[in-house]
Protein backbone atom coordinates (compact mmCIF):
# COMPACT_ATOMS: atom_id res chain seq x y z
CA ASP A 1 -37.46 -110.83 -27.05
CA ILE A 2 -34.29 -112.71 -26.13
CA VAL A 3 -33.87 -114.01 -29.69
CA LYS A 4 -34.60 -110.55 -31.07
CA ALA A 5 -31.96 -109.01 -28.83
CA ALA A 6 -29.46 -111.69 -29.81
CA ALA A 7 -30.27 -111.27 -33.51
CA THR A 8 -29.38 -107.61 -33.20
CA HIS A 9 -25.80 -108.61 -32.50
CA HIS A 10 -25.41 -111.81 -34.47
CA GLY A 11 -27.36 -113.29 -37.38
CA GLU A 12 -26.77 -116.87 -36.27
CA ALA A 13 -28.92 -116.29 -33.19
CA LEU A 14 -31.91 -117.30 -35.30
CA ARG A 15 -30.40 -120.78 -35.59
CA TYR A 16 -31.15 -121.42 -31.92
CA ALA A 17 -34.70 -120.10 -31.99
CA SER A 18 -37.72 -122.37 -31.81
CA GLU A 19 -39.40 -123.50 -35.03
CA GLU A 20 -42.25 -121.13 -34.22
CA LEU A 21 -39.91 -118.14 -34.01
CA LYS A 22 -38.05 -119.20 -37.16
CA ALA A 23 -41.40 -118.94 -38.94
CA ASP A 24 -42.21 -115.51 -37.50
CA ARG A 25 -42.04 -113.08 -40.44
CA SER A 26 -41.38 -109.99 -38.37
CA LEU A 27 -38.61 -111.65 -36.34
CA VAL A 28 -36.93 -113.07 -39.45
CA THR A 29 -37.20 -109.71 -41.19
CA PHE A 30 -35.68 -108.02 -38.16
CA ALA A 31 -32.80 -110.53 -38.06
CA VAL A 32 -32.12 -110.40 -41.81
CA GLU A 33 -32.11 -106.59 -41.83
CA ARG A 34 -29.25 -106.74 -39.33
CA HIS A 35 -27.44 -109.82 -40.69
CA VAL A 36 -28.44 -111.06 -44.14
CA THR A 37 -27.08 -114.54 -43.39
CA ALA A 38 -29.82 -115.03 -40.79
CA LEU A 39 -32.21 -116.00 -43.59
CA GLN A 40 -30.53 -119.38 -43.88
CA PHE A 41 -31.87 -120.24 -40.41
CA ALA A 42 -35.46 -119.17 -41.11
CA ALA A 43 -38.24 -121.69 -41.57
CA ASP A 44 -38.22 -123.42 -44.95
CA ASN A 45 -41.63 -122.02 -45.88
CA LEU A 46 -40.34 -118.44 -45.44
CA ARG A 47 -37.15 -119.14 -47.39
CA ALA A 48 -39.35 -120.47 -50.23
CA ASP A 49 -41.88 -117.61 -50.11
CA ARG A 50 -41.10 -115.52 -53.18
CA ALA A 51 -42.88 -112.38 -52.00
CA PHE A 52 -41.20 -112.56 -48.60
CA VAL A 53 -37.72 -113.11 -50.06
CA GLU A 54 -38.23 -110.32 -52.59
CA SER A 55 -39.21 -107.95 -49.76
CA LEU A 56 -35.94 -108.82 -48.01
CA MET A 57 -34.00 -108.41 -51.25
CA ALA A 58 -35.37 -104.90 -51.66
CA LYS A 59 -33.29 -104.01 -48.60
CA ASN A 60 -30.35 -106.32 -49.31
CA PRO A 61 -30.14 -108.24 -52.61
CA ARG A 62 -27.68 -110.70 -51.06
CA ALA A 63 -30.59 -112.22 -49.14
CA PHE A 64 -31.25 -114.24 -52.29
CA ALA A 65 -28.13 -116.30 -51.56
CA HIS A 66 -29.94 -117.76 -48.55
CA ALA A 67 -33.33 -118.29 -50.20
CA ALA A 68 -34.69 -121.78 -50.81
CA GLU A 69 -33.22 -123.79 -53.67
CA SER A 70 -36.61 -123.69 -55.41
CA LEU A 71 -36.36 -119.89 -55.74
CA ARG A 72 -32.69 -119.91 -56.68
CA SER A 73 -33.57 -122.43 -59.44
CA ASN A 74 -36.49 -120.41 -60.80
CA ARG A 75 -35.38 -119.39 -64.31
CA ASP A 76 -37.82 -116.50 -64.67
CA LEU A 77 -37.03 -115.03 -61.27
CA VAL A 78 -33.26 -115.33 -61.65
CA PHE A 79 -33.32 -113.98 -65.21
CA ALA A 80 -35.36 -110.95 -64.13
CA MET A 81 -32.87 -110.26 -61.35
CA VAL A 82 -29.84 -110.76 -63.59
CA LYS A 83 -31.28 -108.31 -66.14
CA LYS A 84 -31.11 -105.66 -63.40
CA ASP A 85 -27.79 -106.76 -61.88
CA GLU A 86 -25.49 -109.32 -63.50
CA ASN A 87 -23.95 -110.15 -60.12
CA MET A 88 -27.20 -111.77 -58.98
CA LEU A 89 -26.28 -114.81 -61.08
CA GLN A 90 -23.79 -115.83 -58.41
CA TYR A 91 -26.68 -116.56 -56.04
CA ALA A 92 -28.56 -118.79 -58.48
CA SER A 93 -28.56 -122.53 -57.92
CA ASP A 94 -25.60 -124.53 -59.22
CA GLU A 95 -27.99 -126.30 -61.57
CA LEU A 96 -29.08 -123.03 -63.15
CA ARG A 97 -25.52 -121.65 -63.34
CA ALA A 98 -24.57 -124.85 -65.22
CA ASP A 99 -27.54 -124.64 -67.60
CA ARG A 100 -25.96 -123.80 -70.95
CA ASP A 101 -29.16 -122.48 -72.56
CA PHE A 102 -29.89 -120.25 -69.59
CA ILE A 103 -26.33 -118.89 -69.48
CA LEU A 104 -26.42 -118.17 -73.22
CA GLN A 105 -29.58 -116.15 -72.63
CA VAL A 106 -27.92 -114.26 -69.76
CA VAL A 107 -24.65 -113.44 -71.54
CA GLN A 108 -26.52 -111.92 -74.46
CA ILE A 109 -27.57 -109.20 -72.02
CA HIS A 110 -24.61 -109.13 -69.63
CA GLY A 111 -21.53 -110.74 -71.16
CA ASP A 112 -19.36 -110.44 -68.09
CA ALA A 113 -21.93 -112.39 -66.06
CA VAL A 114 -20.25 -115.47 -67.52
CA ARG A 115 -17.86 -115.23 -64.57
CA HIS A 116 -20.69 -116.51 -62.37
CA ALA A 117 -21.57 -119.39 -64.70
CA TRP A 118 -20.50 -122.91 -63.84
CA HIS A 119 -16.78 -123.24 -64.64
CA THR A 120 -17.30 -125.89 -67.31
CA LEU A 121 -19.10 -123.28 -69.41
CA TRP A 122 -15.94 -121.15 -69.47
CA GLU A 123 -14.63 -123.74 -71.92
CA ASP A 124 -17.71 -123.61 -74.12
CA HIS A 125 -16.84 -121.86 -77.37
CA GLU A 126 -20.33 -120.50 -78.03
CA VAL A 127 -20.87 -119.28 -74.48
CA ILE A 128 -17.56 -117.39 -74.37
CA LEU A 129 -18.00 -116.00 -77.88
CA THR A 130 -21.54 -114.78 -77.12
CA ALA A 131 -20.37 -113.23 -73.85
CA ALA A 132 -17.35 -111.55 -75.50
CA GLN A 133 -19.51 -110.10 -78.26
CA GLN A 134 -21.71 -108.44 -75.65
CA ASN A 135 -18.83 -107.39 -73.38
CA PRO A 136 -15.23 -107.79 -74.55
CA ARG A 137 -14.04 -108.14 -70.96
CA ALA A 138 -15.81 -111.50 -70.77
CA ILE A 139 -12.96 -113.04 -72.71
CA ARG A 140 -11.02 -113.08 -69.43
CA HIS A 141 -13.04 -116.10 -68.43
CA ALA A 142 -12.25 -118.20 -71.49
CA GLY A 143 -10.59 -121.49 -70.67
CA LYS A 144 -8.83 -124.11 -72.69
CA THR A 145 -10.46 -127.37 -73.61
CA PRO A 146 -8.42 -130.57 -73.47
CA GLN A 147 -9.41 -131.36 -77.06
CA ARG A 148 -7.95 -128.12 -78.42
CA ALA A 149 -4.39 -126.92 -78.34
CA GLY A 150 -5.31 -123.26 -78.48
CA PRO A 151 -7.69 -120.94 -76.70
CA VAL A 152 -11.43 -121.42 -76.89
CA VAL A 153 -11.87 -118.07 -78.63
CA SER A 154 -9.81 -117.34 -81.73
CA SER A 155 -8.91 -113.99 -83.23
CA GLU A 156 -11.48 -114.58 -85.99
CA ASP A 157 -14.19 -115.13 -83.39
CA VAL A 158 -13.53 -111.93 -81.49
CA GLY A 159 -14.26 -109.79 -84.51
CA ALA A 160 -13.97 -106.11 -85.24
CA ARG A 161 -16.21 -105.06 -82.35
CA GLN A 162 -13.73 -106.31 -79.80
CA GLY A 163 -10.43 -105.88 -81.62
CA PRO A 164 -6.98 -106.04 -80.09
CA ALA A 165 -7.98 -103.70 -77.27
CA ALA A 166 -9.22 -106.78 -75.43
CA LEU A 167 -5.86 -108.51 -75.70
CA PRO A 168 -4.35 -107.09 -72.48
CA LEU A 169 -7.22 -108.60 -70.54
CA VAL A 170 -6.00 -112.17 -70.86
CA ASP A 171 -2.34 -113.12 -70.51
CA THR A 172 -2.77 -116.39 -72.36
CA TYR A 173 -3.95 -114.54 -75.45
CA LYS A 174 -1.27 -111.89 -75.60
CA ASN A 175 1.35 -114.64 -75.82
CA ASN A 176 -0.48 -116.47 -78.60
CA ARG A 177 1.24 -115.43 -81.84
CA ASP A 178 -1.62 -116.44 -84.15
CA PHE A 179 -4.20 -114.68 -82.00
CA VAL A 180 -2.17 -111.44 -81.81
CA LEU A 181 -1.44 -111.55 -85.54
CA GLY A 182 -5.14 -112.01 -86.28
CA MET A 183 -6.06 -109.08 -84.04
CA VAL A 184 -3.40 -106.76 -85.47
CA THR A 185 -4.56 -107.61 -88.97
CA LYS A 186 -8.07 -106.49 -88.07
CA ASN A 187 -7.10 -103.12 -86.58
CA TRP A 188 -3.44 -102.20 -86.16
CA ARG A 189 -4.33 -98.88 -84.45
CA ASP A 190 -5.35 -100.69 -81.30
CA LEU A 191 -1.79 -101.76 -80.51
């Protein structure tokens, strides 16, 4: 009862509970409903219990950020969540967010989810192009690679679907003469 009362006011109270209480489903649920960060102090078996974590996520999707690494690395689970809400990718494991094949699969559905991918993928031509084709705003996340003098995505890559309307989204592109010229050539009305 003392831990429950403390958890009402502060999620970290679960940190100081006994191992037995940290494994108590009802107490952990109570604590997480009040402070989602409390899940990080729950017993490992609860943090790795998919059904339990999904029940917590039904009330607060951010609970996934504190789930066990095994769940946050589960491709099928993360992909299903990202299909519903692209922002869920930010809670996936670093390993999964750096997995090029997985990110390519994700950005085909939600291009702007590339912002939650591992930063090295922002310099990957195919990843950025695929993301920008799905959602033109994804081009904001394009980086520059050391091997190339210009941007990762060229005006030819962006294509008619995106057009010059995407140009204001990225300062580095609107100052690139060749890129702007390529965009204007495709559709001058978008200026």
